[in-house]
N, C-alpha and C. Protein backbone atom coordinates (compact mmCIF):
# COMPACT_ATOMS: atom_id res chain seq x y z
N MET A 1 91.97 -43.60 -12.37
CA MET A 1 91.50 -44.39 -11.66
C MET A 1 90.92 -44.59 -10.48
N THR A 2 90.06 -45.11 -10.05
CA THR A 2 89.26 -45.44 -9.46
C THR A 2 90.21 -46.65 -7.64
N TYR A 3 90.82 -47.26 -8.59
CA TYR A 3 91.29 -49.00 -8.04
C TYR A 3 92.28 -49.10 -8.88
N TYR A 4 93.87 -48.95 -7.70
CA TYR A 4 94.43 -49.56 -8.54
C TYR A 4 94.97 -50.88 -7.93
N ASP A 5 94.84 -52.20 -8.38
CA ASP A 5 94.66 -53.17 -8.33
C ASP A 5 96.29 -53.40 -8.63
N GLY A 6 96.79 -55.19 -8.78
CA GLY A 6 97.81 -56.21 -9.39
C GLY A 6 98.14 -57.11 -8.54
N GLN A 7 98.73 -58.44 -9.21
CA GLN A 7 98.49 -59.75 -8.98
C GLN A 7 99.59 -59.75 -7.55
N GLY A 8 99.00 -60.70 -7.13
CA GLY A 8 99.58 -61.54 -5.50
C GLY A 8 99.66 -62.86 -5.43
N PHE A 9 99.06 -63.13 -4.24
CA PHE A 9 99.62 -64.17 -3.68
C PHE A 9 98.71 -64.57 -2.90
N LEU A 10 98.16 -65.97 -2.53
CA LEU A 10 97.61 -66.03 -1.25
C LEU A 10 97.77 -67.34 -0.73
N VAL A 11 98.41 -67.06 0.41
CA VAL A 11 99.04 -68.62 0.90
C VAL A 11 98.27 -68.93 2.28
N LYS A 12 98.50 -70.52 2.70
CA LYS A 12 97.94 -71.07 4.07
C LYS A 12 99.34 -70.36 4.90
N LYS A 13 99.00 -69.85 6.21
CA LYS A 13 100.35 -69.73 7.16
C LYS A 13 100.61 -70.19 7.64
N SER A 14 99.72 -72.14 7.70
CA SER A 14 100.72 -73.05 7.59
C SER A 14 101.81 -73.15 7.06
N LEU A 15 102.45 -72.57 5.95
CA LEU A 15 103.34 -72.58 5.36
C LEU A 15 104.25 -71.76 5.78
N LYS A 16 104.22 -71.01 6.51
CA LYS A 16 105.09 -69.77 7.51
C LYS A 16 106.00 -69.31 6.20
N VAL A 17 105.03 -68.60 4.80
CA VAL A 17 105.88 -67.60 4.71
C VAL A 17 105.18 -65.98 4.54
N ASN A 18 106.33 -65.25 4.44
CA ASN A 18 106.00 -63.60 4.86
C ASN A 18 106.05 -62.73 3.26
N SER A 19 106.34 -63.73 2.23
CA SER A 19 106.86 -62.64 1.39
C SER A 19 106.66 -63.81 0.26
N ALA A 20 106.66 -63.64 -0.64
CA ALA A 20 106.82 -63.94 -2.33
C ALA A 20 107.86 -64.53 -2.79
N LEU A 21 109.30 -64.30 -2.27
CA LEU A 21 110.02 -64.51 -2.17
C LEU A 21 110.89 -65.56 -1.80
N GLU A 22 110.00 -66.08 -0.92
CA GLU A 22 110.49 -67.62 -0.10
C GLU A 22 109.43 -68.67 -0.86
N LEU A 23 108.98 -68.31 -2.47
CA LEU A 23 108.03 -69.46 -2.44
C LEU A 23 109.25 -70.55 -3.68
N ASN A 24 109.86 -70.33 -4.01
CA ASN A 24 110.94 -70.93 -4.59
C ASN A 24 110.55 -72.41 -4.40
N SER A 25 110.05 -73.46 -5.53
CA SER A 25 109.53 -74.47 -5.82
C SER A 25 108.76 -74.96 -5.46
N ALA A 26 107.72 -73.83 -5.08
CA ALA A 26 106.10 -74.01 -4.89
C ALA A 26 105.12 -74.39 -5.74
N SER A 27 104.01 -74.92 -5.16
CA SER A 27 103.19 -75.26 -6.54
C SER A 27 102.20 -74.27 -6.58
N VAL A 28 101.72 -73.68 -8.15
CA VAL A 28 100.75 -72.82 -7.72
C VAL A 28 99.72 -72.64 -8.46
N CYS A 29 98.87 -72.59 -8.10
CA CYS A 29 96.79 -72.64 -8.55
C CYS A 29 97.28 -71.49 -9.25
N VAL A 30 96.42 -71.40 -10.48
CA VAL A 30 96.27 -70.04 -11.51
C VAL A 30 95.61 -70.46 -12.75
N GLN A 31 94.42 -69.44 -13.42
CA GLN A 31 93.11 -69.70 -13.86
C GLN A 31 94.01 -69.15 -15.00
N THR A 32 93.67 -70.83 -16.07
CA THR A 32 94.33 -70.41 -17.64
C THR A 32 93.76 -69.19 -18.14
N GLY A 33 94.21 -69.09 -19.03
CA GLY A 33 93.88 -68.14 -20.27
C GLY A 33 93.76 -66.77 -19.59
N THR A 34 94.51 -66.12 -18.97
CA THR A 34 94.84 -64.71 -17.98
C THR A 34 96.33 -64.45 -18.36
N THR A 35 96.57 -62.90 -18.00
CA THR A 35 97.56 -61.98 -17.89
C THR A 35 98.79 -62.91 -16.63
N ASN A 36 97.56 -63.64 -15.83
CA ASN A 36 98.24 -64.33 -14.05
C ASN A 36 98.87 -65.37 -14.89
N GLU A 37 98.94 -65.98 -15.76
CA GLU A 37 100.09 -67.34 -16.33
C GLU A 37 101.90 -66.66 -16.36
N GLN A 38 101.27 -65.65 -17.47
CA GLN A 38 102.80 -64.91 -18.00
C GLN A 38 103.25 -63.90 -17.20
N ASN A 39 102.60 -63.43 -16.42
CA ASN A 39 103.06 -62.13 -14.57
C ASN A 39 104.12 -63.37 -14.25
N LEU A 40 103.03 -64.78 -14.08
CA LEU A 40 103.56 -65.01 -12.71
C LEU A 40 105.21 -65.56 -13.06
N ALA A 41 104.86 -66.45 -14.77
CA ALA A 41 106.24 -66.94 -15.02
C ALA A 41 107.86 -65.69 -15.27
N ASP A 42 107.06 -63.90 -15.57
CA ASP A 42 108.03 -63.33 -15.68
C ASP A 42 108.87 -63.46 -14.07
N TYR A 43 107.62 -63.19 -12.56
CA TYR A 43 108.27 -62.72 -11.35
C TYR A 43 109.13 -63.98 -11.26
N PHE A 44 108.66 -65.20 -11.67
CA PHE A 44 109.61 -66.00 -10.60
C PHE A 44 111.16 -66.20 -11.48
N LYS A 45 110.93 -65.99 -12.87
CA LYS A 45 111.85 -66.16 -13.75
C LYS A 45 113.04 -64.61 -13.30
N GLY A 46 112.41 -63.78 -13.12
CA GLY A 46 112.85 -62.61 -12.45
C GLY A 46 113.83 -62.99 -11.19
N ASN A 47 113.68 -63.53 -10.76
CA ASN A 47 114.07 -63.84 -9.43
C ASN A 47 114.25 -64.85 -9.55
N ASN A 48 115.14 -65.44 -10.33
CA ASN A 48 115.95 -67.29 -10.42
C ASN A 48 114.91 -67.80 -8.97
N MET A 49 113.96 -68.66 -9.40
CA MET A 49 113.07 -68.84 -8.60
C MET A 49 112.48 -70.28 -9.41
N LYS A 50 112.35 -71.82 -8.86
CA LYS A 50 111.26 -72.80 -9.33
C LYS A 50 110.38 -72.74 -9.30
N TYR A 51 109.28 -73.32 -9.66
CA TYR A 51 107.88 -73.06 -10.12
C TYR A 51 107.19 -74.22 -9.96
N GLU A 52 105.90 -74.44 -9.39
CA GLU A 52 105.17 -75.62 -10.60
C GLU A 52 103.84 -75.31 -10.70
N VAL A 53 103.18 -75.02 -11.96
CA VAL A 53 102.47 -74.58 -12.28
C VAL A 53 101.07 -75.34 -12.22
N ILE A 54 100.07 -75.40 -12.21
CA ILE A 54 98.66 -75.84 -11.84
C ILE A 54 97.82 -75.33 -12.27
N ALA A 55 96.93 -75.03 -13.50
CA ALA A 55 96.31 -74.65 -14.18
C ALA A 55 94.74 -75.10 -14.11
N PHE A 56 94.06 -74.13 -14.08
CA PHE A 56 92.39 -74.43 -13.95
C PHE A 56 92.03 -73.34 -14.94
N GLY A 57 90.80 -73.84 -16.07
CA GLY A 57 90.05 -73.01 -16.47
C GLY A 57 89.22 -72.27 -16.22
N THR A 58 88.49 -71.90 -14.81
CA THR A 58 87.46 -71.15 -14.08
C THR A 58 88.41 -70.75 -13.08
N ALA A 59 87.94 -69.57 -12.18
CA ALA A 59 88.29 -69.05 -11.44
C ALA A 59 87.86 -70.35 -9.48
N ASP A 60 86.88 -71.08 -9.97
CA ASP A 60 86.31 -71.78 -8.67
C ASP A 60 86.64 -73.23 -8.96
N GLU A 61 87.19 -73.53 -9.61
CA GLU A 61 88.26 -74.43 -9.81
C GLU A 61 89.22 -74.62 -9.56
N THR A 62 90.21 -72.90 -9.40
CA THR A 62 91.50 -72.72 -9.11
C THR A 62 91.44 -72.88 -7.87
N VAL A 63 90.89 -72.01 -7.31
CA VAL A 63 90.46 -72.18 -5.73
C VAL A 63 90.06 -73.06 -5.10
N LYS A 64 89.24 -73.84 -5.56
CA LYS A 64 88.79 -75.32 -4.61
C LYS A 64 90.16 -76.26 -4.98
N ALA A 65 91.10 -76.16 -5.62
CA ALA A 65 92.08 -76.86 -5.54
C ALA A 65 93.25 -76.14 -4.68
N TYR A 66 92.69 -74.77 -4.74
CA TYR A 66 94.00 -74.55 -3.76
C TYR A 66 93.44 -74.62 -1.85
N GLU A 67 92.02 -74.23 -1.61
CA GLU A 67 91.71 -74.96 -0.42
C GLU A 67 91.83 -76.03 -0.52
N SER A 68 91.82 -77.42 -1.63
CA SER A 68 91.99 -78.42 -0.94
C SER A 68 93.52 -78.96 -1.11
N GLY A 69 94.31 -78.75 -1.07
CA GLY A 69 96.15 -78.86 -1.08
C GLY A 69 96.84 -78.98 -2.13
N ARG A 70 95.89 -78.91 -3.52
CA ARG A 70 96.63 -79.23 -4.42
C ARG A 70 97.99 -78.32 -4.63
N CYS A 71 97.51 -77.61 -4.20
CA CYS A 71 99.18 -76.31 -4.64
C CYS A 71 99.50 -75.65 -3.10
N ASP A 72 100.24 -75.52 -3.00
CA ASP A 72 100.67 -74.49 -2.24
C ASP A 72 100.29 -72.87 -2.13
N VAL A 73 99.78 -72.36 -3.24
CA VAL A 73 99.89 -70.88 -3.50
C VAL A 73 98.82 -70.39 -4.84
N PHE A 74 98.26 -69.42 -4.12
CA PHE A 74 96.71 -68.91 -5.29
C PHE A 74 97.29 -67.72 -5.73
N THR A 75 96.99 -67.22 -6.88
CA THR A 75 97.95 -66.21 -6.87
C THR A 75 96.56 -65.87 -8.60
N SER A 76 96.08 -64.48 -8.06
CA SER A 76 95.47 -63.80 -9.14
C SER A 76 95.18 -62.00 -8.73
N ASP A 77 94.44 -61.46 -8.76
CA ASP A 77 94.34 -59.92 -8.28
C ASP A 77 94.31 -60.18 -6.96
N VAL A 78 95.17 -58.82 -6.42
CA VAL A 78 95.20 -58.96 -5.28
C VAL A 78 93.53 -59.10 -4.42
N SER A 79 92.63 -57.90 -5.34
CA SER A 79 91.24 -57.61 -4.71
C SER A 79 90.47 -58.92 -4.72
N GLN A 80 90.70 -59.66 -5.86
CA GLN A 80 90.21 -61.26 -6.13
C GLN A 80 90.58 -61.95 -5.31
N LEU A 81 91.61 -62.02 -4.16
CA LEU A 81 92.34 -62.56 -3.76
C LEU A 81 91.84 -62.65 -2.06
N TYR A 82 91.38 -61.31 -1.79
CA TYR A 82 90.86 -61.36 -0.75
C TYR A 82 89.35 -61.36 -0.60
N ALA A 83 89.01 -61.26 -1.76
CA ALA A 83 87.26 -62.11 -1.99
C ALA A 83 87.06 -63.49 -1.68
N GLU A 84 87.92 -64.52 -2.66
CA GLU A 84 88.19 -65.26 -2.58
C GLU A 84 88.28 -65.95 -1.19
N ARG A 85 89.38 -65.88 -0.52
CA ARG A 85 89.97 -65.67 0.68
C ARG A 85 88.61 -65.74 1.92
N LEU A 86 87.46 -64.57 1.76
CA LEU A 86 85.97 -65.11 2.76
C LEU A 86 85.73 -65.90 2.47
N LYS A 87 85.36 -66.77 1.25
CA LYS A 87 84.73 -68.14 0.92
C LYS A 87 85.03 -69.21 1.18
N LEU A 88 86.45 -69.44 1.98
CA LEU A 88 87.12 -70.62 2.18
C LEU A 88 86.33 -71.09 3.30
N SER A 89 86.62 -72.32 4.02
CA SER A 89 85.53 -72.51 5.03
C SER A 89 87.30 -71.99 6.26
N ASN A 90 88.28 -71.55 6.31
CA ASN A 90 88.57 -70.97 7.61
C ASN A 90 89.76 -69.61 6.91
N PRO A 91 89.22 -68.73 6.68
CA PRO A 91 89.82 -67.60 6.46
C PRO A 91 90.84 -66.97 6.43
N ALA A 92 90.55 -67.24 7.98
CA ALA A 92 91.81 -66.92 8.78
C ALA A 92 93.13 -67.21 9.27
N ASP A 93 92.99 -68.77 8.18
CA ASP A 93 93.57 -69.25 8.12
C ASP A 93 95.07 -69.21 7.01
N HIS A 94 94.72 -68.44 6.41
CA HIS A 94 95.56 -68.05 4.92
C HIS A 94 95.83 -66.15 4.88
N ALA A 95 96.71 -65.77 3.68
CA ALA A 95 97.07 -65.04 4.41
C ALA A 95 97.52 -64.42 2.71
N VAL A 96 97.53 -62.80 2.05
CA VAL A 96 97.74 -62.46 0.99
C VAL A 96 99.00 -61.74 1.19
N LEU A 97 100.08 -62.19 0.36
CA LEU A 97 101.31 -61.88 0.70
C LEU A 97 101.46 -60.15 0.09
N PRO A 98 102.44 -59.46 0.85
CA PRO A 98 102.64 -58.21 0.06
C PRO A 98 103.34 -57.81 -1.01
N GLU A 99 103.96 -58.64 -1.37
CA GLU A 99 104.40 -58.57 -2.87
C GLU A 99 102.90 -57.96 -3.81
N VAL A 100 103.24 -57.00 -4.74
CA VAL A 100 102.29 -57.18 -5.97
C VAL A 100 103.47 -57.06 -6.80
N ILE A 101 103.17 -58.18 -8.30
CA ILE A 101 104.01 -58.55 -9.27
C ILE A 101 103.44 -57.58 -10.68
N SER A 102 102.27 -57.07 -10.45
CA SER A 102 101.74 -56.41 -12.05
C SER A 102 100.80 -55.42 -11.79
N LYS A 103 101.01 -54.22 -12.98
CA LYS A 103 99.92 -53.25 -13.04
C LYS A 103 98.76 -53.76 -13.17
N GLU A 104 97.00 -52.99 -12.91
CA GLU A 104 95.93 -53.67 -12.73
C GLU A 104 95.60 -52.58 -12.61
N PRO A 105 95.18 -51.24 -12.95
CA PRO A 105 94.66 -49.88 -12.81
C PRO A 105 92.82 -50.56 -13.08
N LEU A 106 92.06 -49.85 -12.46
CA LEU A 106 90.59 -50.04 -12.99
C LEU A 106 89.88 -48.57 -12.67
N GLY A 107 88.90 -48.62 -13.17
CA GLY A 107 88.32 -47.20 -13.35
C GLY A 107 86.76 -47.46 -14.41
N PRO A 108 85.86 -46.46 -13.91
CA PRO A 108 84.82 -46.80 -14.26
C PRO A 108 84.77 -45.90 -15.92
N MET A 109 83.89 -47.17 -16.31
CA MET A 109 83.43 -47.06 -17.93
C MET A 109 82.25 -46.04 -18.13
N VAL A 110 82.48 -45.25 -19.32
CA VAL A 110 81.12 -44.63 -19.94
C VAL A 110 80.80 -45.60 -21.08
N ARG A 111 79.75 -44.48 -21.75
CA ARG A 111 79.40 -44.90 -23.28
C ARG A 111 80.47 -44.03 -24.17
N HIS A 112 80.80 -44.28 -25.03
CA HIS A 112 81.97 -43.40 -26.08
C HIS A 112 80.88 -42.60 -26.85
N GLY A 113 81.70 -41.18 -26.85
CA GLY A 113 80.63 -40.14 -27.62
C GLY A 113 79.72 -39.29 -26.23
N ASP A 114 79.27 -39.50 -24.91
CA ASP A 114 78.60 -38.95 -24.39
C ASP A 114 79.38 -38.54 -23.33
N ASP A 115 79.82 -37.27 -23.76
CA ASP A 115 81.88 -36.36 -23.40
C ASP A 115 80.53 -35.79 -22.14
N GLN A 116 79.13 -35.57 -22.14
CA GLN A 116 79.22 -34.68 -20.93
C GLN A 116 78.74 -35.34 -19.61
N TRP A 117 78.64 -37.08 -19.71
CA TRP A 117 78.54 -37.95 -18.54
C TRP A 117 79.83 -38.25 -18.28
N PHE A 118 81.12 -38.72 -19.44
CA PHE A 118 82.08 -38.82 -19.02
C PHE A 118 82.39 -37.65 -17.66
N ASP A 119 82.68 -36.75 -18.25
CA ASP A 119 82.83 -35.52 -17.78
C ASP A 119 82.04 -35.87 -16.18
N ILE A 120 81.12 -36.01 -15.94
CA ILE A 120 80.52 -35.55 -14.99
C ILE A 120 81.15 -36.97 -14.10
N VAL A 121 81.35 -38.10 -14.41
CA VAL A 121 82.01 -39.80 -13.94
C VAL A 121 83.43 -39.28 -13.48
N LYS A 122 83.96 -38.29 -14.01
CA LYS A 122 85.78 -37.92 -14.22
C LYS A 122 85.45 -37.10 -12.46
N TRP A 123 84.81 -36.06 -12.79
CA TRP A 123 84.92 -34.96 -12.10
C TRP A 123 84.14 -35.40 -10.83
N VAL A 124 83.70 -36.19 -10.63
CA VAL A 124 82.83 -36.71 -8.93
C VAL A 124 83.69 -37.79 -8.43
N LEU A 125 84.71 -38.71 -9.71
CA LEU A 125 85.95 -39.18 -8.81
C LEU A 125 87.13 -38.21 -8.16
N PHE A 126 87.22 -37.36 -9.55
CA PHE A 126 88.26 -36.35 -9.05
C PHE A 126 87.89 -35.62 -7.38
N ALA A 127 86.52 -35.09 -7.05
CA ALA A 127 86.44 -34.79 -6.07
C ALA A 127 86.37 -35.49 -5.02
N MET A 128 85.86 -36.42 -5.01
CA MET A 128 86.14 -37.14 -3.65
C MET A 128 87.13 -37.81 -3.00
N VAL A 129 88.53 -37.42 -4.24
CA VAL A 129 89.93 -37.62 -4.23
C VAL A 129 90.24 -36.28 -3.32
N ASP A 130 89.68 -35.32 -3.88
CA ASP A 130 90.04 -34.16 -3.29
C ASP A 130 89.61 -33.88 -2.32
N ALA A 131 88.25 -34.07 -1.75
CA ALA A 131 87.83 -33.32 -0.13
C ALA A 131 88.54 -34.41 0.90
N GLU A 132 89.17 -35.97 0.25
CA GLU A 132 90.10 -36.62 1.14
C GLU A 132 91.44 -35.69 1.90
N GLU A 133 92.09 -34.92 0.49
CA GLU A 133 93.03 -34.70 0.79
C GLU A 133 93.26 -33.21 1.11
N LEU A 134 91.76 -32.67 1.12
CA LEU A 134 90.99 -31.41 2.40
C LEU A 134 90.73 -32.01 3.42
N GLY A 135 90.44 -32.82 3.45
CA GLY A 135 90.07 -32.88 5.13
C GLY A 135 88.76 -32.85 5.04
N VAL A 136 87.89 -33.70 4.07
CA VAL A 136 86.34 -32.93 4.02
C VAL A 136 85.99 -34.64 4.33
N THR A 137 84.94 -34.56 5.00
CA THR A 137 84.24 -36.21 4.93
C THR A 137 82.88 -35.74 5.68
N GLN A 138 82.17 -37.21 5.11
CA GLN A 138 80.89 -37.21 5.42
C GLN A 138 80.24 -36.37 6.56
N LYS A 139 81.08 -36.15 8.08
CA LYS A 139 80.54 -35.64 9.17
C LYS A 139 80.84 -34.29 9.28
N ASN A 140 81.70 -33.68 8.88
CA ASN A 140 82.26 -32.53 8.98
C ASN A 140 82.17 -31.62 7.62
N VAL A 141 81.72 -31.91 6.06
CA VAL A 141 81.29 -31.35 5.38
C VAL A 141 80.43 -29.98 5.51
N ASP A 142 79.46 -29.74 6.28
CA ASP A 142 78.82 -28.62 6.50
C ASP A 142 79.31 -27.57 7.59
N GLU A 143 79.99 -27.96 8.11
CA GLU A 143 81.40 -27.21 9.58
C GLU A 143 82.07 -26.98 8.01
N MET A 144 83.16 -27.60 7.21
CA MET A 144 84.07 -27.18 6.11
C MET A 144 83.70 -26.02 5.08
N ALA A 145 82.43 -26.36 4.77
CA ALA A 145 81.29 -25.28 3.88
C ALA A 145 82.06 -23.77 4.62
N LYS A 146 81.88 -23.47 6.10
CA LYS A 146 82.27 -22.40 5.86
C LYS A 146 83.60 -21.89 6.46
N SER A 147 84.24 -22.70 5.70
CA SER A 147 85.66 -21.99 5.60
C SER A 147 86.26 -20.67 4.47
N ASP A 148 87.29 -20.03 4.79
CA ASP A 148 87.43 -18.91 4.07
C ASP A 148 88.50 -19.56 3.33
N LYS A 149 89.05 -20.62 3.25
CA LYS A 149 90.15 -21.10 2.34
C LYS A 149 89.83 -20.57 1.17
N PRO A 150 90.66 -20.16 -0.20
CA PRO A 150 90.22 -20.51 -1.46
C PRO A 150 90.02 -21.72 -2.27
N GLU A 151 90.69 -22.88 -1.55
CA GLU A 151 90.62 -23.93 -2.41
C GLU A 151 89.15 -24.84 -2.15
N LEU A 152 88.51 -24.25 -0.92
CA LEU A 152 87.86 -24.87 0.00
C LEU A 152 86.62 -24.18 -0.78
N LYS A 153 86.17 -22.79 -0.43
CA LYS A 153 85.58 -22.03 -1.27
C LYS A 153 85.50 -22.53 -2.77
N ARG A 154 86.45 -23.17 -3.60
CA ARG A 154 85.70 -23.67 -4.89
C ARG A 154 85.64 -24.97 -4.90
N ALA A 155 85.76 -25.49 -3.90
CA ALA A 155 84.73 -26.95 -3.79
C ALA A 155 83.69 -26.93 -3.37
N PHE A 156 83.54 -26.30 -3.27
CA PHE A 156 82.22 -25.92 -2.66
C PHE A 156 81.17 -25.44 -3.31
N GLY A 157 81.87 -24.53 -4.57
CA GLY A 157 81.09 -23.52 -5.54
C GLY A 157 80.37 -22.71 -5.04
N ILE A 158 81.22 -21.84 -3.96
CA ILE A 158 81.26 -20.78 -3.32
C ILE A 158 81.81 -19.42 -4.47
N ASP A 159 83.32 -20.29 -4.58
CA ASP A 159 83.70 -19.31 -6.16
C ASP A 159 83.94 -20.19 -7.04
N GLY A 160 84.15 -19.89 -8.14
CA GLY A 160 84.23 -20.29 -9.76
C GLY A 160 82.62 -21.28 -10.27
N ASN A 161 82.94 -21.91 -11.29
CA ASN A 161 82.11 -21.93 -11.96
C ASN A 161 81.56 -23.82 -12.37
N LEU A 162 82.48 -24.71 -12.04
CA LEU A 162 82.89 -25.85 -12.40
C LEU A 162 81.44 -26.33 -12.56
N GLY A 163 80.89 -26.76 -11.03
CA GLY A 163 79.52 -27.56 -11.48
C GLY A 163 78.81 -26.78 -12.46
N GLU A 164 78.65 -25.38 -12.78
CA GLU A 164 77.46 -25.05 -14.07
C GLU A 164 77.97 -25.54 -14.83
N GLN A 165 79.76 -25.13 -15.20
CA GLN A 165 80.27 -26.29 -16.65
C GLN A 165 79.53 -27.85 -16.96
N LEU A 166 79.63 -28.31 -16.18
CA LEU A 166 78.92 -29.82 -16.09
C LEU A 166 77.70 -30.20 -15.95
N GLY A 167 77.10 -28.72 -15.76
CA GLY A 167 75.72 -29.46 -16.18
C GLY A 167 75.31 -29.59 -14.76
N LEU A 168 75.52 -29.32 -13.37
CA LEU A 168 75.66 -29.54 -11.91
C LEU A 168 75.14 -28.22 -11.38
N THR A 169 74.66 -28.41 -9.80
CA THR A 169 73.81 -27.60 -8.95
C THR A 169 75.76 -27.02 -8.59
N LYS A 170 75.95 -25.78 -7.90
CA LYS A 170 76.86 -24.72 -7.78
C LYS A 170 77.37 -26.67 -6.41
N ASP A 171 76.13 -26.43 -5.52
CA ASP A 171 76.95 -27.12 -4.25
C ASP A 171 77.02 -29.03 -4.49
N TRP A 172 77.53 -29.45 -5.76
CA TRP A 172 77.71 -30.81 -6.36
C TRP A 172 78.46 -31.49 -5.21
N VAL A 173 79.93 -30.62 -5.37
CA VAL A 173 80.76 -31.63 -4.63
C VAL A 173 80.20 -32.04 -2.59
N ILE A 174 79.66 -31.23 -2.50
CA ILE A 174 79.33 -31.07 -0.83
C ILE A 174 78.01 -32.16 -0.42
N ARG A 175 77.02 -32.57 -2.14
CA ARG A 175 76.25 -33.23 -2.51
C ARG A 175 76.41 -34.72 -1.85
N ILE A 176 77.66 -34.81 -2.79
CA ILE A 176 78.49 -36.12 -3.19
C ILE A 176 78.79 -36.58 -1.51
N VAL A 177 79.74 -36.02 -1.20
CA VAL A 177 80.69 -35.90 0.11
C VAL A 177 79.21 -36.31 1.19
N LYS A 178 78.58 -36.28 0.83
CA LYS A 178 77.19 -36.40 2.14
C LYS A 178 76.56 -37.10 1.94
N ALA A 179 76.49 -37.73 0.54
CA ALA A 179 75.84 -39.22 0.43
C ALA A 179 77.14 -40.04 0.41
N VAL A 180 77.80 -39.89 -0.20
CA VAL A 180 78.72 -41.35 -0.11
C VAL A 180 80.15 -41.46 1.47
N GLY A 181 80.83 -40.31 1.11
CA GLY A 181 81.90 -39.57 1.87
C GLY A 181 82.70 -39.20 0.69
N ASN A 182 84.44 -38.61 1.35
CA ASN A 182 85.42 -39.19 0.54
C ASN A 182 85.67 -40.08 -0.11
N TYR A 183 86.65 -40.43 -1.23
CA TYR A 183 87.18 -40.86 -1.35
C TYR A 183 87.81 -42.66 -0.82
N GLY A 184 88.56 -42.07 0.32
CA GLY A 184 88.68 -42.46 1.39
C GLY A 184 87.88 -43.32 2.05
N GLU A 185 86.65 -42.45 2.60
CA GLU A 185 85.84 -43.34 3.11
C GLU A 185 85.43 -44.06 2.35
N THR A 186 84.87 -44.07 1.20
CA THR A 186 84.17 -44.94 0.20
C THR A 186 85.05 -46.26 -0.19
N PHE A 187 86.39 -46.28 -0.17
CA PHE A 187 87.55 -47.53 -0.07
C PHE A 187 87.38 -48.21 1.20
N ASP A 188 87.01 -47.22 2.77
CA ASP A 188 87.29 -47.68 3.51
C ASP A 188 85.87 -49.20 3.52
N ARG A 189 85.09 -48.24 3.59
CA ARG A 189 83.61 -49.03 4.17
C ARG A 189 83.73 -50.04 2.76
N ASN A 190 83.91 -50.30 1.94
CA ASN A 190 83.74 -51.24 0.60
C ASN A 190 84.41 -52.12 0.60
N VAL A 191 85.63 -52.13 0.64
CA VAL A 191 87.27 -53.53 0.36
C VAL A 191 87.76 -52.82 1.77
N GLY A 192 88.05 -51.67 2.37
CA GLY A 192 89.18 -51.29 3.15
C GLY A 192 88.85 -51.76 4.72
N ALA A 193 89.95 -51.16 5.28
CA ALA A 193 89.79 -51.74 6.68
C ALA A 193 88.49 -51.81 7.63
N GLY A 194 86.99 -50.29 6.73
CA GLY A 194 86.11 -51.24 7.22
C GLY A 194 85.11 -52.26 7.02
N SER A 195 85.31 -52.97 5.85
CA SER A 195 84.53 -54.14 5.57
C SER A 195 85.34 -55.29 5.43
N LYS A 196 84.91 -56.10 5.25
CA LYS A 196 85.11 -57.58 5.46
C LYS A 196 86.13 -57.74 4.90
N LEU A 197 86.39 -57.37 3.77
CA LEU A 197 87.62 -57.88 2.70
C LEU A 197 88.83 -57.72 3.33
N GLY A 198 88.90 -55.83 4.22
CA GLY A 198 90.34 -55.77 4.81
C GLY A 198 91.50 -55.51 3.98
N ILE A 199 91.03 -55.15 2.82
CA ILE A 199 92.07 -54.53 1.61
C ILE A 199 93.25 -53.30 2.29
N ALA A 200 94.43 -53.49 2.14
CA ALA A 200 95.04 -52.50 2.44
C ALA A 200 95.35 -51.21 1.24
N ARG A 201 95.14 -50.41 1.73
CA ARG A 201 95.47 -48.87 0.97
C ARG A 201 96.52 -49.03 -0.36
N GLY A 202 97.67 -49.10 0.24
CA GLY A 202 98.71 -49.64 -0.53
C GLY A 202 99.20 -48.46 -1.09
N LEU A 203 98.59 -48.22 -2.98
CA LEU A 203 98.71 -47.67 -3.70
C LEU A 203 97.74 -46.43 -4.26
N ASN A 204 96.84 -46.84 -3.20
CA ASN A 204 95.64 -46.37 -3.36
C ASN A 204 95.30 -44.89 -2.28
N GLN A 205 96.68 -44.88 -1.67
CA GLN A 205 96.71 -43.67 -0.99
C GLN A 205 96.82 -42.64 -1.45
N LEU A 206 96.28 -42.10 -0.68
CA LEU A 206 96.73 -39.96 -1.61
C LEU A 206 98.02 -40.18 -1.47
N TRP A 207 98.90 -39.35 -2.51
CA TRP A 207 100.00 -39.17 -3.10
C TRP A 207 101.17 -38.51 -1.83
N ASN A 208 100.12 -37.72 -0.78
CA ASN A 208 100.90 -37.04 0.05
C ASN A 208 100.95 -38.33 1.33
N LYS A 209 100.24 -39.17 1.17
CA LYS A 209 100.52 -40.15 2.29
C LYS A 209 101.44 -41.68 2.00
N GLY A 210 102.07 -41.57 0.78
CA GLY A 210 102.94 -42.90 0.41
C GLY A 210 101.96 -43.22 -0.76
N GLY A 211 101.17 -43.02 -1.57
CA GLY A 211 100.13 -43.87 -2.54
C GLY A 211 100.57 -43.27 -4.00
N ILE A 212 99.84 -43.53 -4.68
CA ILE A 212 99.72 -42.73 -6.01
C ILE A 212 98.71 -42.20 -6.81
N GLN A 213 97.58 -41.79 -5.36
CA GLN A 213 96.20 -41.53 -5.36
C GLN A 213 96.03 -39.71 -5.93
N TYR A 214 95.82 -39.57 -6.91
CA TYR A 214 95.69 -37.89 -6.64
C TYR A 214 94.46 -37.52 -7.64
N ALA A 215 94.29 -35.87 -7.68
CA ALA A 215 93.20 -35.07 -8.87
C ALA A 215 93.43 -34.36 -8.69
N PRO A 216 92.90 -33.62 -9.93
CA PRO A 216 93.87 -32.23 -9.79
C PRO A 216 92.57 -31.56 -9.27
N PRO A 217 93.38 -30.58 -8.93
CA PRO A 217 92.55 -29.18 -7.99
C PRO A 217 91.14 -29.00 -9.00
N ILE A 218 90.07 -28.62 -8.24
CA ILE A 218 88.85 -28.33 -8.40
C ILE A 218 88.87 -26.79 -8.57
N ARG A 219 88.45 -26.43 -9.98
CA ARG A 219 88.95 -25.02 -10.48
C ARG A 219 88.21 -24.78 -11.18
């Protein structure tokens, strides 16, 4: 998985709400025909809270209704909430609450039957995650390539032949990291702290930093 997403809640800061558990009796804008409706019902029922659903056929209609004040809360996948917040007149007046109430894992898709391409795509992601765990970055990759550590020598193609098995060059991991950085660098640049979205890593942190993101070792 390249990104672990999930359904969350966007509210106006003026509502003075810091948790979804404080949304009892709130009106919630949601796009109809999505899993968000059922997840919403399950969450409020499970926490013995009442709410009013205000449903719309498209995402644009849902966001416009929220911004105009027709509801207290807008619910969708967290990544979408951050993206839609940027489109609002005053993004800083709105906040995404910390609770994530569903599991929405996202990853790359390839054509069925193209096994070699599938393996390459899969191992490119694994390499980026492993690079972050090993402390290899876009800036230090050349220096790290001189290391005598066994795991780094395997990653950089000095030992082992995984690159050749994939139909790639021995230095395939070095080339990836030089081009785009490790997983964390790519996350931060595109959707994280270094981007306009500013999405927290959350579950997308490495397994040894409180998240669930990990990859098999390169060997």
